[in-house]
Amino acid sequence: MRSIALGSHRAASPRLALRWIRERTSHITDQLDTAYARPGRHWLTDEPEHERALAYLATGTAYQLTLHDDSTRYVLVAYPRGAAS
């Protein structure tokens, strides 16, 4: 399996990092077939999960969201400041 970085973004706060993940998730789900997009679209409206992501980042833990289709896996990761990527 081969990894290809599709982008990165430095965010000044956990909330801005979460905003970036939301934007990227929206872009990805717009390109996936309906069945594969469903988990990402659900995540976009899952406020308790967003709060959990913010709590992870605020306490120094990375947060990861993985979406996929038949042939590709999209891994969105936010690392807290100072964490090794």
N, C-alpha and C. Protein backbone atom coordinates (compact mmCIF):
# COMPACT_ATOMS: atom_id res chain seq x y z
N MET A 1 0.85 -1.18 0.00
CA MET A 1 0.00 0.00 0.00
C MET A 1 0.90 1.24 0.00
N ARG A 2 0.48 2.23 -0.74
CA ARG A 2 1.26 3.45 -0.88
C ARG A 2 0.46 4.63 -0.35
N SER A 3 1.12 5.52 0.36
CA SER A 3 0.48 6.74 0.88
C SER A 3 0.85 7.92 0.00
N ILE A 4 -0.15 8.75 -0.24
CA ILE A 4 0.07 9.98 -0.99
C ILE A 4 -0.56 11.11 -0.18
N ALA A 5 0.26 12.06 0.25
CA ALA A 5 -0.25 13.20 1.00
C ALA A 5 -1.01 14.12 0.05
N LEU A 6 -2.24 14.43 0.41
CA LEU A 6 -3.08 15.28 -0.43
C LEU A 6 -3.15 16.71 0.07
N GLY A 7 -2.58 16.97 1.23
CA GLY A 7 -2.59 18.33 1.73
C GLY A 7 -2.32 18.39 3.21
N SER A 8 -2.03 19.56 3.68
CA SER A 8 -1.84 19.78 5.11
C SER A 8 -2.18 21.24 5.41
N HIS A 9 -2.35 21.49 6.69
CA HIS A 9 -2.73 22.84 7.10
C HIS A 9 -2.29 23.02 8.55
N ARG A 10 -1.64 24.12 8.85
CA ARG A 10 -1.29 24.45 10.24
C ARG A 10 -2.41 25.29 10.82
N ALA A 11 -3.00 24.80 11.88
CA ALA A 11 -4.09 25.52 12.52
C ALA A 11 -3.60 26.09 13.85
N ALA A 12 -4.07 27.26 14.20
CA ALA A 12 -3.63 27.94 15.42
C ALA A 12 -4.32 27.41 16.67
N SER A 13 -5.36 26.59 16.51
CA SER A 13 -6.09 26.09 17.68
C SER A 13 -6.77 24.77 17.33
N PRO A 14 -7.15 23.99 18.34
CA PRO A 14 -7.90 22.76 18.08
C PRO A 14 -9.19 23.03 17.29
N ARG A 15 -9.86 24.10 17.60
CA ARG A 15 -11.12 24.42 16.90
C ARG A 15 -10.87 24.70 15.41
N LEU A 16 -9.79 25.38 15.10
CA LEU A 16 -9.46 25.63 13.70
C LEU A 16 -9.02 24.35 12.99
N ALA A 17 -8.34 23.47 13.71
CA ALA A 17 -7.97 22.18 13.14
C ALA A 17 -9.22 21.36 12.82
N LEU A 18 -10.18 21.37 13.72
CA LEU A 18 -11.43 20.67 13.49
C LEU A 18 -12.17 21.27 12.29
N ARG A 19 -12.14 22.57 12.15
CA ARG A 19 -12.78 23.22 11.01
C ARG A 19 -12.14 22.73 9.71
N TRP A 20 -10.82 22.60 9.69
CA TRP A 20 -10.13 22.11 8.49
C TRP A 20 -10.56 20.67 8.19
N ILE A 21 -10.64 19.82 9.21
CA ILE A 21 -11.08 18.44 8.98
C ILE A 21 -12.52 18.43 8.45
N ARG A 22 -13.36 19.27 8.96
CA ARG A 22 -14.75 19.35 8.46
C ARG A 22 -14.76 19.75 6.98
N GLU A 23 -13.98 20.75 6.62
CA GLU A 23 -13.94 21.19 5.22
C GLU A 23 -13.44 20.08 4.31
N ARG A 24 -12.36 19.43 4.71
CA ARG A 24 -11.81 18.35 3.89
C ARG A 24 -12.79 17.19 3.80
N THR A 25 -13.45 16.86 4.90
CA THR A 25 -14.44 15.78 4.90
C THR A 25 -15.58 16.11 3.94
N SER A 26 -16.02 17.34 3.95
CA SER A 26 -17.07 17.76 3.03
C SER A 26 -16.62 17.61 1.59
N HIS A 27 -15.40 18.01 1.27
CA HIS A 27 -14.88 17.90 -0.09
C HIS A 27 -14.80 16.43 -0.51
N ILE A 28 -14.32 15.59 0.38
CA ILE A 28 -14.17 14.17 0.06
C ILE A 28 -15.53 13.52 -0.15
N THR A 29 -16.46 13.75 0.77
CA THR A 29 -17.77 13.11 0.64
C THR A 29 -18.51 13.57 -0.62
N ASP A 30 -18.26 14.79 -1.04
CA ASP A 30 -18.89 15.28 -2.28
C ASP A 30 -18.42 14.47 -3.50
N GLN A 31 -17.27 13.83 -3.40
CA GLN A 31 -16.71 13.09 -4.53
C GLN A 31 -16.96 11.58 -4.45
N LEU A 32 -17.46 11.10 -3.32
CA LEU A 32 -17.69 9.67 -3.15
C LEU A 32 -19.11 9.29 -3.56
N ASP A 33 -19.28 8.04 -3.95
CA ASP A 33 -20.63 7.52 -4.19
C ASP A 33 -21.40 7.59 -2.87
N THR A 34 -22.72 7.66 -2.97
CA THR A 34 -23.58 7.87 -1.81
C THR A 34 -23.29 6.92 -0.66
N ALA A 35 -23.19 5.65 -0.92
CA ALA A 35 -22.97 4.68 0.16
C ALA A 35 -21.66 4.93 0.89
N TYR A 36 -20.62 5.27 0.16
CA TYR A 36 -19.32 5.52 0.78
C TYR A 36 -19.27 6.88 1.46
N ALA A 37 -20.06 7.82 0.99
CA ALA A 37 -20.09 9.16 1.57
C ALA A 37 -20.87 9.21 2.88
N ARG A 38 -21.78 8.27 3.08
CA ARG A 38 -22.69 8.31 4.23
C ARG A 38 -21.96 8.45 5.57
N PRO A 39 -20.91 7.66 5.87
CA PRO A 39 -20.24 7.84 7.18
C PRO A 39 -19.64 9.25 7.35
N GLY A 40 -19.06 9.79 6.30
CA GLY A 40 -18.50 11.13 6.38
C GLY A 40 -19.56 12.19 6.56
N ARG A 41 -20.67 12.03 5.88
CA ARG A 41 -21.78 13.00 6.04
C ARG A 41 -22.37 12.92 7.44
N HIS A 42 -22.44 11.70 7.98
CA HIS A 42 -22.90 11.57 9.36
C HIS A 42 -21.92 12.26 10.30
N TRP A 43 -20.62 12.04 10.10
CA TRP A 43 -19.61 12.65 10.96
C TRP A 43 -19.74 14.18 10.93
N LEU A 44 -20.03 14.74 9.77
CA LEU A 44 -20.14 16.20 9.64
C LEU A 44 -21.21 16.79 10.55
N THR A 45 -22.21 16.02 10.92
CA THR A 45 -23.29 16.52 11.78
C THR A 45 -23.23 15.96 13.20
N ASP A 46 -22.18 15.23 13.52
CA ASP A 46 -22.06 14.56 14.82
C ASP A 46 -21.36 15.47 15.84
N GLU A 47 -22.12 16.38 16.44
CA GLU A 47 -21.55 17.36 17.38
C GLU A 47 -20.85 16.69 18.58
N PRO A 48 -21.40 15.63 19.18
CA PRO A 48 -20.67 14.99 20.27
C PRO A 48 -19.29 14.47 19.83
N GLU A 49 -19.20 13.97 18.61
CA GLU A 49 -17.90 13.51 18.11
C GLU A 49 -16.95 14.68 17.88
N HIS A 50 -17.48 15.81 17.45
CA HIS A 50 -16.64 17.01 17.27
C HIS A 50 -16.11 17.48 18.62
N GLU A 51 -16.94 17.43 19.64
CA GLU A 51 -16.48 17.80 20.98
C GLU A 51 -15.40 16.84 21.48
N ARG A 52 -15.57 15.55 21.16
CA ARG A 52 -14.55 14.56 21.54
C ARG A 52 -13.24 14.87 20.83
N ALA A 53 -13.31 15.23 19.55
CA ALA A 53 -12.11 15.59 18.80
C ALA A 53 -11.41 16.78 19.44
N LEU A 54 -12.18 17.79 19.79
CA LEU A 54 -11.60 18.97 20.44
C LEU A 54 -10.95 18.61 21.78
N ALA A 55 -11.59 17.74 22.53
CA ALA A 55 -11.02 17.31 23.82
C ALA A 55 -9.71 16.55 23.59
N TYR A 56 -9.67 15.69 22.61
CA TYR A 56 -8.43 14.97 22.29
C TYR A 56 -7.32 15.96 22.00
N LEU A 57 -7.59 16.89 21.10
CA LEU A 57 -6.56 17.85 20.70
C LEU A 57 -6.13 18.74 21.86
N ALA A 58 -7.07 19.14 22.69
CA ALA A 58 -6.75 20.01 23.83
C ALA A 58 -5.89 19.30 24.86
N THR A 59 -6.00 17.97 24.93
CA THR A 59 -5.20 17.22 25.91
C THR A 59 -3.94 16.62 25.31
N GLY A 60 -3.63 16.98 24.05
CA GLY A 60 -2.38 16.53 23.44
C GLY A 60 -2.46 15.23 22.67
N THR A 61 -3.67 14.76 22.35
CA THR A 61 -3.84 13.52 21.61
C THR A 61 -4.28 13.83 20.19
N ALA A 62 -3.71 13.13 19.23
CA ALA A 62 -4.11 13.32 17.83
C ALA A 62 -5.52 12.78 17.62
N TYR A 63 -6.20 13.33 16.63
CA TYR A 63 -7.54 12.86 16.26
C TYR A 63 -7.50 12.45 14.80
N GLN A 64 -8.10 11.30 14.50
CA GLN A 64 -8.08 10.76 13.14
C GLN A 64 -9.47 10.37 12.68
N LEU A 65 -9.77 10.69 11.43
CA LEU A 65 -11.01 10.29 10.78
C LEU A 65 -10.62 9.59 9.49
N THR A 66 -11.16 8.39 9.26
CA THR A 66 -10.85 7.64 8.05
C THR A 66 -12.12 7.42 7.25
N LEU A 67 -12.06 7.74 5.97
CA LEU A 67 -13.14 7.49 5.02
C LEU A 67 -12.56 6.62 3.91
N HIS A 68 -13.42 5.89 3.21
CA HIS A 68 -12.89 5.03 2.13
C HIS A 68 -13.95 4.74 1.09
N ASP A 69 -13.47 4.26 -0.05
CA ASP A 69 -14.34 3.67 -1.06
C ASP A 69 -13.69 2.35 -1.46
N ASP A 70 -14.03 1.80 -2.60
CA ASP A 70 -13.49 0.50 -2.99
C ASP A 70 -11.98 0.46 -3.10
N SER A 71 -11.39 1.54 -3.55
CA SER A 71 -9.96 1.49 -3.86
C SER A 71 -9.09 2.47 -3.09
N THR A 72 -9.68 3.38 -2.34
CA THR A 72 -8.90 4.44 -1.70
C THR A 72 -9.34 4.64 -0.26
N ARG A 73 -8.36 4.88 0.59
CA ARG A 73 -8.65 5.22 1.98
C ARG A 73 -8.14 6.63 2.21
N TYR A 74 -9.01 7.48 2.75
CA TYR A 74 -8.69 8.88 3.07
C TYR A 74 -8.55 8.99 4.57
N VAL A 75 -7.37 9.38 5.04
CA VAL A 75 -7.12 9.50 6.47
C VAL A 75 -6.85 10.96 6.78
N LEU A 76 -7.74 11.55 7.56
CA LEU A 76 -7.59 12.94 7.98
C LEU A 76 -7.13 12.92 9.43
N VAL A 77 -6.02 13.56 9.72
CA VAL A 77 -5.43 13.54 11.06
C VAL A 77 -5.11 14.95 11.50
N ALA A 78 -5.48 15.26 12.72
CA ALA A 78 -5.07 16.52 13.34
C ALA A 78 -4.16 16.17 14.50
N TYR A 79 -2.98 16.79 14.51
CA TYR A 79 -2.02 16.59 15.60
C TYR A 79 -1.98 17.85 16.46
N PRO A 80 -1.96 17.69 17.77
CA PRO A 80 -1.82 18.86 18.64
C PRO A 80 -0.46 19.52 18.42
N ARG A 81 -0.38 20.78 18.76
CA ARG A 81 0.91 21.48 18.65
C ARG A 81 1.99 20.73 19.41
N GLY A 82 3.14 20.63 18.78
CA GLY A 82 4.27 19.98 19.43
C GLY A 82 4.28 18.46 19.31
N ALA A 83 3.22 17.86 18.79
CA ALA A 83 3.18 16.41 18.63
C ALA A 83 3.92 16.03 17.35
N ALA A 84 4.54 14.88 17.39
CA ALA A 84 5.23 14.38 16.20
C ALA A 84 4.21 13.88 15.20
N SER A 85 4.38 14.23 13.94
CA SER A 85 3.43 13.76 12.93
C SER A 85 3.87 12.48 12.39
